[in-house]
């Protein structure tokens, strides 16, 4: 049996910044992008982070350390991890803050994916109880550095250390930002030239936002000129403001009353989220518009024909492993299942 050898840097500090291990694969510069689809409601969508090789492999990722994202996506995740560990001691919380509070992920947010003629096989990652979309970022970086697109789910079934929904998206229209090209809401016209009035528009779970192709509608361009069939000039922009609702970690004593029932319900939610990921990556691969609430500037053509969907891998840790088994049984588009660590399943059709 051939032993696989690779060199991985053990230096976890770059430029004075603590970080997760640097990837060791042939692609040294990894990009990441957060995507949230849907607002809170029956069709609430999903929250994921993508990891992938970037189109700029020449620069050293360590030279870009000032642009790395935090390992904690938001301050509330710090408290979430304390809740998961039932940590209440101020001294212990201070230690956790020192340990992970200022850690970073060595990747470039919103970088363009690599286009070198190859297609990325896809790995969907389901976290365990108490995790979130960044908890296994070291594994995600390593796989991405070997040419994979990794989709790290953040489950919103009460098992994440914390997470959030977009409860509504408020879209005011301003004349004051003519340099920004952002999506247009279906049926909404932009402010007429000279109109400085703010027109708020609320998008909730019953309203959808669609990015329109710049070639076919009047969208303010970065040079201040509008482009469209009638060549009308507009100087207003849409500035979306998302109202979020945070979901705290739901602690469930193992073996307690109703334990099986709650876990079974959570697995069902997780499975549906995994299936929505499949739909998402298929849309990305076909260049179909993605309603990304977290980034209105996502180009629908960014991942066009870049993904190899013939053997989609579903990977999970602990309860994520159980999620993988149930999701693979529910949809044949998942071809490979990898269970990490202790995987237990409380699932019933």
C-alpha atoms as a PDB file:
ATOM      1  CA  UNK A   1       0.000   0.000   0.000  1.00  0.00           C
ATOM      2  CA  UNK A   2       1.416   3.369  -1.035  1.00  0.00           C
ATOM      3  CA  UNK A   3       1.583   5.929   1.732  1.00  0.00           C
ATOM      4  CA  UNK A   4       0.432   9.367   0.644  1.00  0.00           C
ATOM      5  CA  UNK A   5       2.928  12.038   1.593  1.00  0.00           C
ATOM      6  CA  UNK A   6       2.330  15.766   1.665  1.00  0.00           C
ATOM      7  CA  UNK A   7       3.848  18.742   3.369  1.00  0.00           C
ATOM      8  CA  UNK A   8       1.557  20.952   5.400  1.00  0.00           C
ATOM      9  CA  UNK A   9       2.740  24.104   7.066  1.00  0.00           C
ATOM     10  CA  UNK A  10       2.611  23.943  10.839  1.00  0.00           C
ATOM     11  CA  UNK A  11       2.876  27.700  11.151  1.00  0.00           C
ATOM     12  CA  UNK A  12      -0.485  28.945  12.432  1.00  0.00           C
ATOM     13  CA  UNK A  13       0.492  32.627  12.646  1.00  0.00           C
ATOM     14  CA  UNK A  14       1.054  34.888   9.639  1.00  0.00           C
ATOM     15  CA  UNK A  15       1.695  38.611   9.941  1.00  0.00           C
ATOM     16  CA  UNK A  16       0.703  38.438  13.594  1.00  0.00           C
ATOM     17  CA  UNK A  17      -2.640  36.793  12.741  1.00  0.00           C
ATOM     18  CA  UNK A  18      -3.646  33.388  14.067  1.00  0.00           C
ATOM     19  CA  UNK A  19      -5.275  31.193  11.458  1.00  0.00           C
ATOM     20  CA  UNK A  20      -6.363  27.673  10.622  1.00  0.00           C
ATOM     21  CA  UNK A  21      -3.738  25.534   8.815  1.00  0.00           C
ATOM     22  CA  UNK A  22      -2.713  26.609   5.343  1.00  0.00           C
ATOM     23  CA  UNK A  23      -3.798  24.211   2.583  1.00  0.00           C
ATOM     24  CA  UNK A  24      -1.183  21.892   1.093  1.00  0.00           C
ATOM     25  CA  UNK A  25      -2.671  21.068  -2.328  1.00  0.00           C
ATOM     26  CA  UNK A  26      -1.468  22.315  -5.730  1.00  0.00           C
ATOM     27  CA  UNK A  27      -3.919  25.250  -5.634  1.00  0.00           C
ATOM     28  CA  UNK A  28      -2.521  27.547  -2.970  1.00  0.00           C
ATOM     29  CA  UNK A  29      -4.979  30.440  -3.199  1.00  0.00           C
ATOM     30  CA  UNK A  30      -8.509  29.544  -2.115  1.00  0.00           C
ATOM     31  CA  UNK A  31     -11.586  31.708  -2.474  1.00  0.00           C
ATOM     32  CA  UNK A  32     -14.763  31.576  -0.420  1.00  0.00           C
ATOM     33  CA  UNK A  33     -18.224  33.020  -0.818  1.00  0.00           C
ATOM     34  CA  UNK A  34     -21.252  33.041   1.464  1.00  0.00           C
ATOM     35  CA  UNK A  35     -24.638  32.421  -0.121  1.00  0.00           C
ATOM     36  CA  UNK A  36     -28.034  32.758   1.534  1.00  0.00           C
ATOM     37  CA  UNK A  37     -31.172  32.041  -0.458  1.00  0.00           C
ATOM     38  CA  UNK A  38     -34.708  32.801   0.673  1.00  0.00           C
ATOM     39  CA  UNK A  39     -36.148  34.630   3.651  1.00  0.00           C
ATOM     40  CA  UNK A  40     -37.656  33.063   6.748  1.00  0.00           C
ATOM     41  CA  UNK A  41     -40.753  31.040   6.026  1.00  0.00           C
ATOM     42  CA  UNK A  42     -41.888  27.775   4.511  1.00  0.00           C
ATOM     43  CA  UNK A  43     -39.350  28.041   1.669  1.00  0.00           C
ATOM     44  CA  UNK A  44     -36.563  29.527   3.740  1.00  0.00           C
ATOM     45  CA  UNK A  45     -33.692  28.505   1.479  1.00  0.00           C
ATOM     46  CA  UNK A  46     -30.208  27.717   2.777  1.00  0.00           C
ATOM     47  CA  UNK A  47     -27.063  29.323   4.173  1.00  0.00           C
ATOM     48  CA  UNK A  48     -23.750  27.983   2.841  1.00  0.00           C
ATOM     49  CA  UNK A  49     -20.110  28.912   2.337  1.00  0.00           C
ATOM     50  CA  UNK A  50     -18.316  27.909  -0.857  1.00  0.00           C
ATOM     51  CA  UNK A  51     -14.581  27.133  -0.966  1.00  0.00           C
ATOM     52  CA  UNK A  52     -12.791  26.816  -4.329  1.00  0.00           C
ATOM     53  CA  UNK A  53      -9.506  27.536  -6.153  1.00  0.00           C
ATOM     54  CA  UNK A  54      -9.296  31.145  -7.324  1.00  0.00           C
ATOM     55  CA  UNK A  55      -8.293  32.471 -10.718  1.00  0.00           C
ATOM     56  CA  UNK A  56      -5.251  34.172  -9.161  1.00  0.00           C
ATOM     57  CA  UNK A  57      -2.798  31.431  -8.228  1.00  0.00           C
ATOM     58  CA  UNK A  58       0.296  33.565  -8.699  1.00  0.00           C
ATOM     59  CA  UNK A  59       0.113  35.590  -5.488  1.00  0.00           C
ATOM     60  CA  UNK A  60       1.102  34.015  -2.188  1.00  0.00           C
ATOM     61  CA  UNK A  61      -1.971  33.561   0.010  1.00  0.00           C
ATOM     62  CA  UNK A  62       0.119  34.618   3.014  1.00  0.00           C
ATOM     63  CA  UNK A  63       0.754  37.979   1.366  1.00  0.00           C
ATOM     64  CA  UNK A  64      -3.003  38.562   1.459  1.00  0.00           C
ATOM     65  CA  UNK A  65      -3.416  37.920   5.184  1.00  0.00           C
ATOM     66  CA  UNK A  66      -4.937  41.350   5.834  1.00  0.00           C
ATOM     67  CA  UNK A  67      -7.915  40.360   3.681  1.00  0.00           C
ATOM     68  CA  UNK A  68      -8.617  36.981   5.264  1.00  0.00           C
ATOM     69  CA  UNK A  69     -12.082  36.516   6.818  1.00  0.00           C
ATOM     70  CA  UNK A  70     -12.535  35.822  10.514  1.00  0.00           C
ATOM     71  CA  UNK A  71     -13.091  32.242  11.602  1.00  0.00           C
ATOM     72  CA  UNK A  72     -16.055  33.531  13.606  1.00  0.00           C
ATOM     73  CA  UNK A  73     -18.468  34.932  11.010  1.00  0.00           C
ATOM     74  CA  UNK A  74     -20.104  37.194  13.615  1.00  0.00           C
ATOM     75  CA  UNK A  75     -19.700  38.090  17.278  1.00  0.00           C
ATOM     76  CA  UNK A  76     -22.788  36.020  18.134  1.00  0.00           C
ATOM     77  CA  UNK A  77     -20.969  32.808  17.118  1.00  0.00           C
ATOM     78  CA  UNK A  78     -18.559  33.339  20.022  1.00  0.00           C
ATOM     79  CA  UNK A  79     -21.430  33.221  22.508  1.00  0.00           C
ATOM     80  CA  UNK A  80     -22.925  30.324  20.563  1.00  0.00           C
ATOM     81  CA  UNK A  81     -19.852  28.162  21.101  1.00  0.00           C
ATOM     82  CA  UNK A  82     -19.894  29.036  24.798  1.00  0.00           C
ATOM     83  CA  UNK A  83     -23.542  27.932  24.950  1.00  0.00           C
ATOM     84  CA  UNK A  84     -22.691  24.651  23.207  1.00  0.00           C
ATOM     85  CA  UNK A  85     -19.980  23.911  25.758  1.00  0.00           C
ATOM     86  CA  UNK A  86     -22.148  25.174  28.626  1.00  0.00           C
ATOM     87  CA  UNK A  87     -19.363  27.575  29.509  1.00  0.00           C
ATOM     88  CA  UNK A  88     -20.433  30.280  31.955  1.00  0.00           C
ATOM     89  CA  UNK A  89     -17.209  31.056  33.823  1.00  0.00           C
ATOM     90  CA  UNK A  90     -15.878  34.522  32.860  1.00  0.00           C
ATOM     91  CA  UNK A  91     -12.327  33.166  32.995  1.00  0.00           C
ATOM     92  CA  UNK A  92     -13.180  30.281  30.655  1.00  0.00           C
ATOM     93  CA  UNK A  93     -14.983  32.612  28.253  1.00  0.00           C
ATOM     94  CA  UNK A  94     -11.974  34.926  28.270  1.00  0.00           C
ATOM     95  CA  UNK A  95      -9.757  31.963  27.380  1.00  0.00           C
ATOM     96  CA  UNK A  96     -12.071  30.980  24.498  1.00  0.00           C
ATOM     97  CA  UNK A  97     -11.948  34.566  23.233  1.00  0.00           C
ATOM     98  CA  UNK A  98      -8.164  34.468  23.302  1.00  0.00           C
ATOM     99  CA  UNK A  99      -8.047  31.067  21.606  1.00  0.00           C
ATOM    100  CA  UNK A 100     -10.444  31.583  18.697  1.00  0.00           C
ATOM    101  CA  UNK A 101     -11.735  35.124  18.889  1.00  0.00           C
ATOM    102  CA  UNK A 102      -9.144  36.575  16.540  1.00  0.00           C
ATOM    103  CA  UNK A 103      -8.462  33.543  14.331  1.00  0.00           C
ATOM    104  CA  UNK A 104      -8.680  33.852  10.554  1.00  0.00           C
ATOM    105  CA  UNK A 105      -9.247  31.613   7.543  1.00  0.00           C
ATOM    106  CA  UNK A 106      -6.477  31.877   4.884  1.00  0.00           C
ATOM    107  CA  UNK A 107      -8.709  32.463   1.874  1.00  0.00           C
ATOM    108  CA  UNK A 108      -9.998  35.370  -0.199  1.00  0.00           C
ATOM    109  CA  UNK A 109     -13.637  36.389   0.178  1.00  0.00           C
ATOM    110  CA  UNK A 110     -15.678  36.674  -3.039  1.00  0.00           C
ATOM    111  CA  UNK A 111     -12.705  35.872  -5.278  1.00  0.00           C
ATOM    112  CA  UNK A 112     -13.393  34.720  -8.832  1.00  0.00           C
ATOM    113  CA  UNK A 113     -13.101  30.939  -9.324  1.00  0.00           C
ATOM    114  CA  UNK A 114     -10.311  29.429 -11.377  1.00  0.00           C
ATOM    115  CA  UNK A 115     -10.925  28.803 -15.069  1.00  0.00           C
ATOM    116  CA  UNK A 116      -8.134  26.671 -16.490  1.00  0.00           C
ATOM    117  CA  UNK A 117     -10.188  24.145 -18.457  1.00  0.00           C
ATOM    118  CA  UNK A 118     -10.767  21.775 -15.524  1.00  0.00           C
ATOM    119  CA  UNK A 119     -14.056  21.172 -13.714  1.00  0.00           C
ATOM    120  CA  UNK A 120     -14.366  21.035  -9.935  1.00  0.00           C
ATOM    121  CA  UNK A 121     -15.829  17.906  -8.331  1.00  0.00           C
ATOM    122  CA  UNK A 122     -18.254  18.923  -5.579  1.00  0.00           C
ATOM    123  CA  UNK A 123     -18.237  18.076  -1.867  1.00  0.00           C
ATOM    124  CA  UNK A 124     -21.196  19.042   0.353  1.00  0.00           C
ATOM    125  CA  UNK A 125     -20.270  19.240   4.035  1.00  0.00           C
ATOM    126  CA  UNK A 126     -22.779  18.823   6.887  1.00  0.00           C
ATOM    127  CA  UNK A 127     -21.583  19.908  10.334  1.00  0.00           C
ATOM    128  CA  UNK A 128     -22.332  18.157  13.610  1.00  0.00           C
ATOM    129  CA  UNK A 129     -24.189  19.401  16.680  1.00  0.00           C
ATOM    130  CA  UNK A 130     -22.797  22.769  17.774  1.00  0.00           C
ATOM    131  CA  UNK A 131     -21.024  23.566  14.512  1.00  0.00           C
ATOM    132  CA  UNK A 132     -21.563  26.120  11.774  1.00  0.00           C
ATOM    133  CA  UNK A 133     -20.367  26.786   8.215  1.00  0.00           C
ATOM    134  CA  UNK A 134     -16.799  27.615   9.330  1.00  0.00           C
ATOM    135  CA  UNK A 135     -16.228  24.895  11.937  1.00  0.00           C
ATOM    136  CA  UNK A 136     -14.397  22.571   9.481  1.00  0.00           C
ATOM    137  CA  UNK A 137     -12.771  25.309   7.426  1.00  0.00           C
ATOM    138  CA  UNK A 138      -9.358  23.617   7.614  1.00  0.00           C
ATOM    139  CA  UNK A 139     -10.795  20.504   5.920  1.00  0.00           C
ATOM    140  CA  UNK A 140     -12.642  22.675   3.400  1.00  0.00           C
ATOM    141  CA  UNK A 141      -9.471  24.575   2.484  1.00  0.00           C
ATOM    142  CA  UNK A 142      -7.514  21.353   2.053  1.00  0.00           C
ATOM    143  CA  UNK A 143     -10.087  19.842  -0.294  1.00  0.00           C
ATOM    144  CA  UNK A 144     -10.412  23.082  -2.264  1.00  0.00           C
ATOM    145  CA  UNK A 145      -6.637  23.246  -2.656  1.00  0.00           C
ATOM    146  CA  UNK A 146      -6.875  19.869  -4.390  1.00  0.00           C
ATOM    147  CA  UNK A 147      -9.376  21.130  -6.933  1.00  0.00           C
ATOM    148  CA  UNK A 148     -12.757  20.650  -5.247  1.00  0.00           C
ATOM    149  CA  UNK A 149     -15.655  23.012  -4.784  1.00  0.00           C
ATOM    150  CA  UNK A 150     -16.720  22.553  -1.164  1.00  0.00           C
ATOM    151  CA  UNK A 151     -20.161  23.648  -0.030  1.00  0.00           C
ATOM    152  CA  UNK A 152     -20.216  23.978   3.766  1.00  0.00           C
ATOM    153  CA  UNK A 153     -23.799  24.034   5.049  1.00  0.00           C
ATOM    154  CA  UNK A 154     -24.910  25.941   8.107  1.00  0.00           C
ATOM    155  CA  UNK A 155     -27.941  24.004   9.311  1.00  0.00           C
ATOM    156  CA  UNK A 156     -30.841  25.999  10.698  1.00  0.00           C
ATOM    157  CA  UNK A 157     -32.528  23.209  12.645  1.00  0.00           C
ATOM    158  CA  UNK A 158     -31.309  24.277  16.077  1.00  0.00           C
ATOM    159  CA  UNK A 159     -28.065  22.262  15.991  1.00  0.00           C
ATOM    160  CA  UNK A 160     -25.762  25.103  14.850  1.00  0.00           C
ATOM    161  CA  UNK A 161     -23.960  27.016  17.621  1.00  0.00           C
ATOM    162  CA  UNK A 162     -25.935  29.945  16.254  1.00  0.00           C
ATOM    163  CA  UNK A 163     -27.264  30.952  12.858  1.00  0.00           C
ATOM    164  CA  UNK A 164     -29.696  33.390  11.300  1.00  0.00           C
ATOM    165  CA  UNK A 165     -32.453  33.920   8.775  1.00  0.00           C
ATOM    166  CA  UNK A 166     -33.164  36.894   6.606  1.00  0.00           C
ATOM    167  CA  UNK A 167     -36.520  37.840   8.106  1.00  0.00           C
ATOM    168  CA  UNK A 168     -37.034  40.485   5.437  1.00  0.00           C
ATOM    169  CA  UNK A 169     -35.004  42.492   2.959  1.00  0.00           C
ATOM    170  CA  UNK A 170     -35.698  46.215   2.848  1.00  0.00           C
ATOM    171  CA  UNK A 171     -34.682  47.819  -0.420  1.00  0.00           C
ATOM    172  CA  UNK A 172     -34.653  51.631  -0.391  1.00  0.00           C
ATOM    173  CA  UNK A 173     -33.846  53.430  -3.625  1.00  0.00           C
ATOM    174  CA  UNK A 174     -31.359  56.269  -3.513  1.00  0.00           C
ATOM    175  CA  UNK A 175     -30.061  58.711  -6.077  1.00  0.00           C
ATOM    176  CA  UNK A 176     -26.924  59.208  -4.036  1.00  0.00           C
ATOM    177  CA  UNK A 177     -25.016  56.130  -5.187  1.00  0.00           C
ATOM    178  CA  UNK A 178     -24.864  56.147  -8.984  1.00  0.00           C
ATOM    179  CA  UNK A 179     -21.729  54.032  -9.206  1.00  0.00           C
ATOM    180  CA  UNK A 180     -23.225  50.792  -7.923  1.00  0.00           C
ATOM    181  CA  UNK A 181     -24.841  48.212 -10.181  1.00  0.00           C
ATOM    182  CA  UNK A 182     -27.195  46.068  -8.092  1.00  0.00           C
ATOM    183  CA  UNK A 183     -30.203  43.806  -8.800  1.00  0.00           C
ATOM    184  CA  UNK A 184     -33.559  45.179  -9.849  1.00  0.00           C
ATOM    185  CA  UNK A 185     -36.743  44.009  -8.175  1.00  0.00           C
ATOM    186  CA  UNK A 186     -39.275  42.644 -10.665  1.00  0.00           C
ATOM    187  CA  UNK A 187     -41.930  45.244 -11.386  1.00  0.00           C
ATOM    188  CA  UNK A 188     -39.999  48.045  -9.670  1.00  0.00           C
ATOM    189  CA  UNK A 189     -38.742  50.958 -11.709  1.00  0.00           C
ATOM    190  CA  UNK A 190     -35.734  52.953 -10.601  1.00  0.00           C
ATOM    191  CA  UNK A 191     -36.089  56.559  -9.542  1.00  0.00           C
ATOM    192  CA  UNK A 192     -36.580  58.975 -12.430  1.00  0.00           C
ATOM    193  CA  UNK A 193     -33.689  61.302 -13.111  1.00  0.00           C
ATOM    194  CA  UNK A 194     -33.680  64.062 -10.533  1.00  0.00           C
ATOM    195  CA  UNK A 195     -35.906  62.236  -8.047  1.00  0.00           C
ATOM    196  CA  UNK A 196     -34.153  62.192  -4.670  1.00  0.00           C
ATOM    197  CA  UNK A 197     -37.042  60.588  -2.789  1.00  0.00           C
ATOM    198  CA  UNK A 198     -36.358  57.339  -0.943  1.00  0.00           C
ATOM    199  CA  UNK A 199     -38.793  54.601  -1.915  1.00  0.00           C
ATOM    200  CA  UNK A 200     -38.561  51.684   0.548  1.00  0.00           C
ATOM    201  CA  UNK A 201     -39.544  48.232  -0.645  1.00  0.00           C
ATOM    202  CA  UNK A 202     -39.766  45.262   1.686  1.00  0.00           C
ATOM    203  CA  UNK A 203     -39.013  41.775   0.409  1.00  0.00           C
ATOM    204  CA  UNK A 204     -40.283  38.996   2.640  1.00  0.00           C
ATOM    205  CA  UNK A 205     -40.835  35.241   2.268  1.00  0.00           C
ATOM    206  CA  UNK A 206     -43.641  35.880  -0.254  1.00  0.00           C
ATOM    207  CA  UNK A 207     -41.590  38.163  -2.494  1.00  0.00           C
ATOM    208  CA  UNK A 208     -38.676  37.166  -4.686  1.00  0.00           C
ATOM    209  CA  UNK A 209     -35.759  39.285  -5.851  1.00  0.00           C
ATOM    210  CA  UNK A 210     -34.307  38.542  -9.268  1.00  0.00           C
ATOM    211  CA  UNK A 211     -31.079  39.808 -10.799  1.00  0.00           C
ATOM    212  CA  UNK A 212     -31.801  41.030 -14.291  1.00  0.00           C
ATOM    213  CA  UNK A 213     -29.198  40.827 -17.006  1.00  0.00           C
ATOM    214  CA  UNK A 214     -27.547  44.224 -17.447  1.00  0.00           C
ATOM    215  CA  UNK A 215     -27.957  43.947 -21.197  1.00  0.00           C
ATOM    216  CA  UNK A 216     -31.759  43.812 -20.995  1.00  0.00           C
ATOM    217  CA  UNK A 217     -32.672  46.339 -18.306  1.00  0.00           C
ATOM    218  CA  UNK A 218     -31.759  49.796 -17.123  1.00  0.00           C
ATOM    219  CA  UNK A 219     -29.072  49.260 -14.502  1.00  0.00           C
ATOM    220  CA  UNK A 220     -26.694  51.996 -13.321  1.00  0.00           C
ATOM    221  CA  UNK A 221     -23.181  51.137 -14.466  1.00  0.00           C
ATOM    222  CA  UNK A 222     -19.980  52.060 -12.682  1.00  0.00           C
ATOM    223  CA  UNK A 223     -19.260  54.845 -15.143  1.00  0.00           C
ATOM    224  CA  UNK A 224     -22.614  56.464 -14.360  1.00  0.00           C
ATOM    225  CA  UNK A 225     -24.177  55.536 -17.700  1.00  0.00           C
ATOM    226  CA  UNK A 226     -27.127  53.241 -17.980  1.00  0.00           C
ATOM    227  CA  UNK A 227     -27.339  50.402 -20.417  1.00  0.00           C
ATOM    228  CA  UNK A 228     -30.518  48.944 -21.815  1.00  0.00           C
ATOM    229  CA  UNK A 229     -32.692  48.562 -24.853  1.00  0.00           C
ATOM    230  CA  UNK A 230     -33.909  52.152 -24.647  1.00  0.00           C
ATOM    231  CA  UNK A 231     -30.565  53.543 -23.425  1.00  0.00           C
ATOM    232  CA  UNK A 232     -32.326  55.603 -20.734  1.00  0.00           C
ATOM    233  CA  UNK A 233     -29.976  57.063 -18.144  1.00  0.00           C
ATOM    234  CA  UNK A 234     -30.725  56.443 -14.472  1.00  0.00           C
ATOM    235  CA  UNK A 235     -28.636  57.603 -11.544  1.00  0.00           C
ATOM    236  CA  UNK A 236     -30.261  55.682  -8.670  1.00  0.00           C
ATOM    237  CA  UNK A 237     -29.299  52.363  -7.113  1.00  0.00           C
ATOM    238  CA  UNK A 238     -30.871  49.712  -4.949  1.00  0.00           C
ATOM    239  CA  UNK A 239     -29.258  49.395  -1.524  1.00  0.00           C
ATOM    240  CA  UNK A 240     -30.622  46.277   0.193  1.00  0.00           C
ATOM    241  CA  UNK A 241     -30.793  46.138   3.992  1.00  0.00           C
ATOM    242  CA  UNK A 242     -31.404  42.717   5.493  1.00  0.00           C
ATOM    243  CA  UNK A 243     -33.329  42.336   8.739  1.00  0.00           C
ATOM    244  CA  UNK A 244     -32.004  39.196  10.395  1.00  0.00           C
ATOM    245  CA  UNK A 245     -33.449  36.854  12.983  1.00  0.00           C
ATOM    246  CA  UNK A 246     -30.910  34.875  14.987  1.00  0.00           C
ATOM    247  CA  UNK A 247     -31.487  31.247  15.947  1.00  0.00           C
ATOM    248  CA  UNK A 248     -29.781  30.126  19.166  1.00  0.00           C
ATOM    249  CA  UNK A 249     -28.353  26.685  19.764  1.00  0.00           C
ATOM    250  CA  UNK A 250     -30.989  24.290  21.061  1.00  0.00           C
ATOM    251  CA  UNK A 251     -29.545  22.043  23.758  1.00  0.00           C
ATOM    252  CA  UNK A 252     -31.273  18.651  24.009  1.00  0.00           C
ATOM    253  CA  UNK A 253     -30.234  16.306  26.851  1.00  0.00           C
ATOM    254  CA  UNK A 254     -29.394  12.965  25.283  1.00  0.00           C
ATOM    255  CA  UNK A 255     -31.869  10.290  26.233  1.00  0.00           C
ATOM    256  CA  UNK A 256     -34.272  12.801  27.777  1.00  0.00           C
ATOM    257  CA  UNK A 257     -38.025  13.028  27.102  1.00  0.00           C
ATOM    258  CA  UNK A 258     -38.751  13.656  23.454  1.00  0.00           C
ATOM    259  CA  UNK A 259     -35.089  13.359  22.471  1.00  0.00           C
ATOM    260  CA  UNK A 260     -35.699  10.961  19.585  1.00  0.00           C
ATOM    261  CA  UNK A 261     -38.646  12.981  18.268  1.00  0.00           C
ATOM    262  CA  UNK A 262     -36.694  16.251  18.207  1.00  0.00           C
ATOM    263  CA  UNK A 263     -33.616  14.727  16.603  1.00  0.00           C
ATOM    264  CA  UNK A 264     -35.757  13.039  13.967  1.00  0.00           C
ATOM    265  CA  UNK A 265     -37.386  16.359  13.097  1.00  0.00           C
ATOM    266  CA  UNK A 266     -33.956  17.998  12.874  1.00  0.00           C
ATOM    267  CA  UNK A 267     -32.654  15.299  10.546  1.00  0.00           C
ATOM    268  CA  UNK A 268     -35.610  15.881   8.236  1.00  0.00           C
ATOM    269  CA  UNK A 269     -34.788  19.616   8.116  1.00  0.00           C
ATOM    270  CA  UNK A 270     -31.126  18.837   7.444  1.00  0.00           C
ATOM    271  CA  UNK A 271     -31.970  16.445   4.617  1.00  0.00           C
ATOM    272  CA  UNK A 272     -34.106  19.054   2.891  1.00  0.00           C
ATOM    273  CA  UNK A 273     -31.264  21.578   3.215  1.00  0.00           C
ATOM    274  CA  UNK A 274     -28.871  19.112   1.585  1.00  0.00           C
ATOM    275  CA  UNK A 275     -31.268  18.655  -1.325  1.00  0.00           C
ATOM    276  CA  UNK A 276     -31.524  22.420  -1.703  1.00  0.00           C
ATOM    277  CA  UNK A 277     -27.731  22.522  -1.963  1.00  0.00           C
ATOM    278  CA  UNK A 278     -27.952  20.156  -4.931  1.00  0.00           C
ATOM    279  CA  UNK A 279     -30.429  22.495  -6.591  1.00  0.00           C
ATOM    280  CA  UNK A 280     -28.148  25.449  -5.819  1.00  0.00           C
ATOM    281  CA  UNK A 281     -25.009  23.960  -7.348  1.00  0.00           C
ATOM    282  CA  UNK A 282     -26.935  22.857 -10.438  1.00  0.00           C
ATOM    283  CA  UNK A 283     -28.119  26.443 -10.899  1.00  0.00           C
ATOM    284  CA  UNK A 284     -24.589  27.742 -10.409  1.00  0.00           C
ATOM    285  CA  UNK A 285     -23.250  25.306 -12.984  1.00  0.00           C
ATOM    286  CA  UNK A 286     -25.869  26.388 -15.514  1.00  0.00           C
ATOM    287  CA  UNK A 287     -25.329  30.098 -14.886  1.00  0.00           C
ATOM    288  CA  UNK A 288     -28.861  30.561 -13.542  1.00  0.00           C
ATOM    289  CA  UNK A 289     -29.589  33.565 -11.346  1.00  0.00           C
ATOM    290  CA  UNK A 290     -29.050  32.950  -7.622  1.00  0.00           C
ATOM    291  CA  UNK A 291     -30.926  35.212  -5.236  1.00  0.00           C
ATOM    292  CA  UNK A 292     -28.024  35.682  -2.847  1.00  0.00           C
ATOM    293  CA  UNK A 293     -29.275  37.895  -0.028  1.00  0.00           C
ATOM    294  CA  UNK A 294     -25.744  38.232   1.374  1.00  0.00           C
ATOM    295  CA  UNK A 295     -24.224  39.448  -1.899  1.00  0.00           C
ATOM    296  CA  UNK A 296     -26.375  41.160  -4.504  1.00  0.00           C
ATOM    297  CA  UNK A 297     -23.425  41.367  -6.873  1.00  0.00           C
ATOM    298  CA  UNK A 298     -22.995  37.621  -7.394  1.00  0.00           C
ATOM    299  CA  UNK A 299     -22.523  37.076 -11.114  1.00  0.00           C
ATOM    300  CA  UNK A 300     -24.776  34.171 -12.213  1.00  0.00           C
ATOM    301  CA  UNK A 301     -22.162  33.213 -14.824  1.00  0.00           C
ATOM    302  CA  UNK A 302     -19.322  32.999 -12.297  1.00  0.00           C
ATOM    303  CA  UNK A 303     -19.485  29.194 -11.912  1.00  0.00           C
ATOM    304  CA  UNK A 304     -20.914  28.446 -15.356  1.00  0.00           C
ATOM    305  CA  UNK A 305     -19.818  24.973 -16.550  1.00  0.00           C
ATOM    306  CA  UNK A 306     -17.172  24.784 -13.826  1.00  0.00           C
ATOM    307  CA  UNK A 307     -18.646  21.966 -11.736  1.00  0.00           C
ATOM    308  CA  UNK A 308     -18.476  18.206 -12.200  1.00  0.00           C
ATOM    309  CA  UNK A 309     -21.845  16.979 -10.927  1.00  0.00           C
ATOM    310  CA  UNK A 310     -21.453  13.341 -11.936  1.00  0.00           C
ATOM    311  CA  UNK A 311     -20.121  12.236  -8.535  1.00  0.00           C
ATOM    312  CA  UNK A 312     -21.271  14.694  -5.896  1.00  0.00           C
ATOM    313  CA  UNK A 313     -19.794  13.776  -2.500  1.00  0.00           C
ATOM    314  CA  UNK A 314     -21.768  14.242   0.714  1.00  0.00           C
ATOM    315  CA  UNK A 315     -19.575  14.456   3.812  1.00  0.00           C
ATOM    316  CA  UNK A 316     -20.607  14.926   7.421  1.00  0.00           C
ATOM    317  CA  UNK A 317     -19.302  14.790  10.968  1.00  0.00           C
ATOM    318  CA  UNK A 318     -21.231  13.236  13.863  1.00  0.00           C
ATOM    319  CA  UNK A 319     -24.896  14.167  13.318  1.00  0.00           C
ATOM    320  CA  UNK A 320     -23.737  15.437   9.938  1.00  0.00           C
ATOM    321  CA  UNK A 321     -22.788  11.855   9.098  1.00  0.00           C
ATOM    322  CA  UNK A 322     -26.302  10.717   9.924  1.00  0.00           C
ATOM    323  CA  UNK A 323     -27.581  13.563   7.761  1.00  0.00           C
ATOM    324  CA  UNK A 324     -25.468  12.295   4.872  1.00  0.00           C
ATOM    325  CA  UNK A 325     -26.860   8.783   5.075  1.00  0.00           C
ATOM    326  CA  UNK A 326     -30.451  10.018   5.121  1.00  0.00           C
ATOM    327  CA  UNK A 327     -29.901  12.602   2.352  1.00  0.00           C
ATOM    328  CA  UNK A 328     -28.154  10.109   0.056  1.00  0.00           C
ATOM    329  CA  UNK A 329     -31.096   7.781   0.509  1.00  0.00           C
ATOM    330  CA  UNK A 330     -33.464  10.623  -0.409  1.00  0.00           C
ATOM    331  CA  UNK A 331     -31.723  11.778  -3.599  1.00  0.00           C
ATOM    332  CA  UNK A 332     -29.697   9.709  -6.061  1.00  0.00           C
ATOM    333  CA  UNK A 333     -27.741  12.771  -7.190  1.00  0.00           C
ATOM    334  CA  UNK A 334     -25.472  12.147  -4.194  1.00  0.00           C
ATOM    335  CA  UNK A 335     -23.064   9.454  -5.382  1.00  0.00           C
ATOM    336  CA  UNK A 336     -20.554   9.187  -2.518  1.00  0.00           C
ATOM    337  CA  UNK A 337     -21.056   9.464   1.260  1.00  0.00           C
ATOM    338  CA  UNK A 338     -18.227  10.082   3.739  1.00  0.00           C
ATOM    339  CA  UNK A 339     -19.025   9.899   7.469  1.00  0.00           C
ATOM    340  CA  UNK A 340     -16.488  11.459   9.823  1.00  0.00           C
ATOM    341  CA  UNK A 341     -16.246  10.538  13.492  1.00  0.00           C
ATOM    342  CA  UNK A 342     -19.150   9.158  15.462  1.00  0.00           C
ATOM    343  CA  UNK A 343     -22.274   9.270  13.306  1.00  0.00           C
ATOM    344  CA  UNK A 344     -25.587   8.467  14.912  1.00  0.00           C
ATOM    345  CA  UNK A 345     -28.943   8.445  13.206  1.00  0.00           C
ATOM    346  CA  UNK A 346     -32.394   9.117  14.663  1.00  0.00           C
ATOM    347  CA  UNK A 347     -34.270   9.161  11.404  1.00  0.00           C
ATOM    348  CA  UNK A 348     -37.612   7.832  10.368  1.00  0.00           C
ATOM    349  CA  UNK A 349     -39.493   8.418   7.107  1.00  0.00           C
END
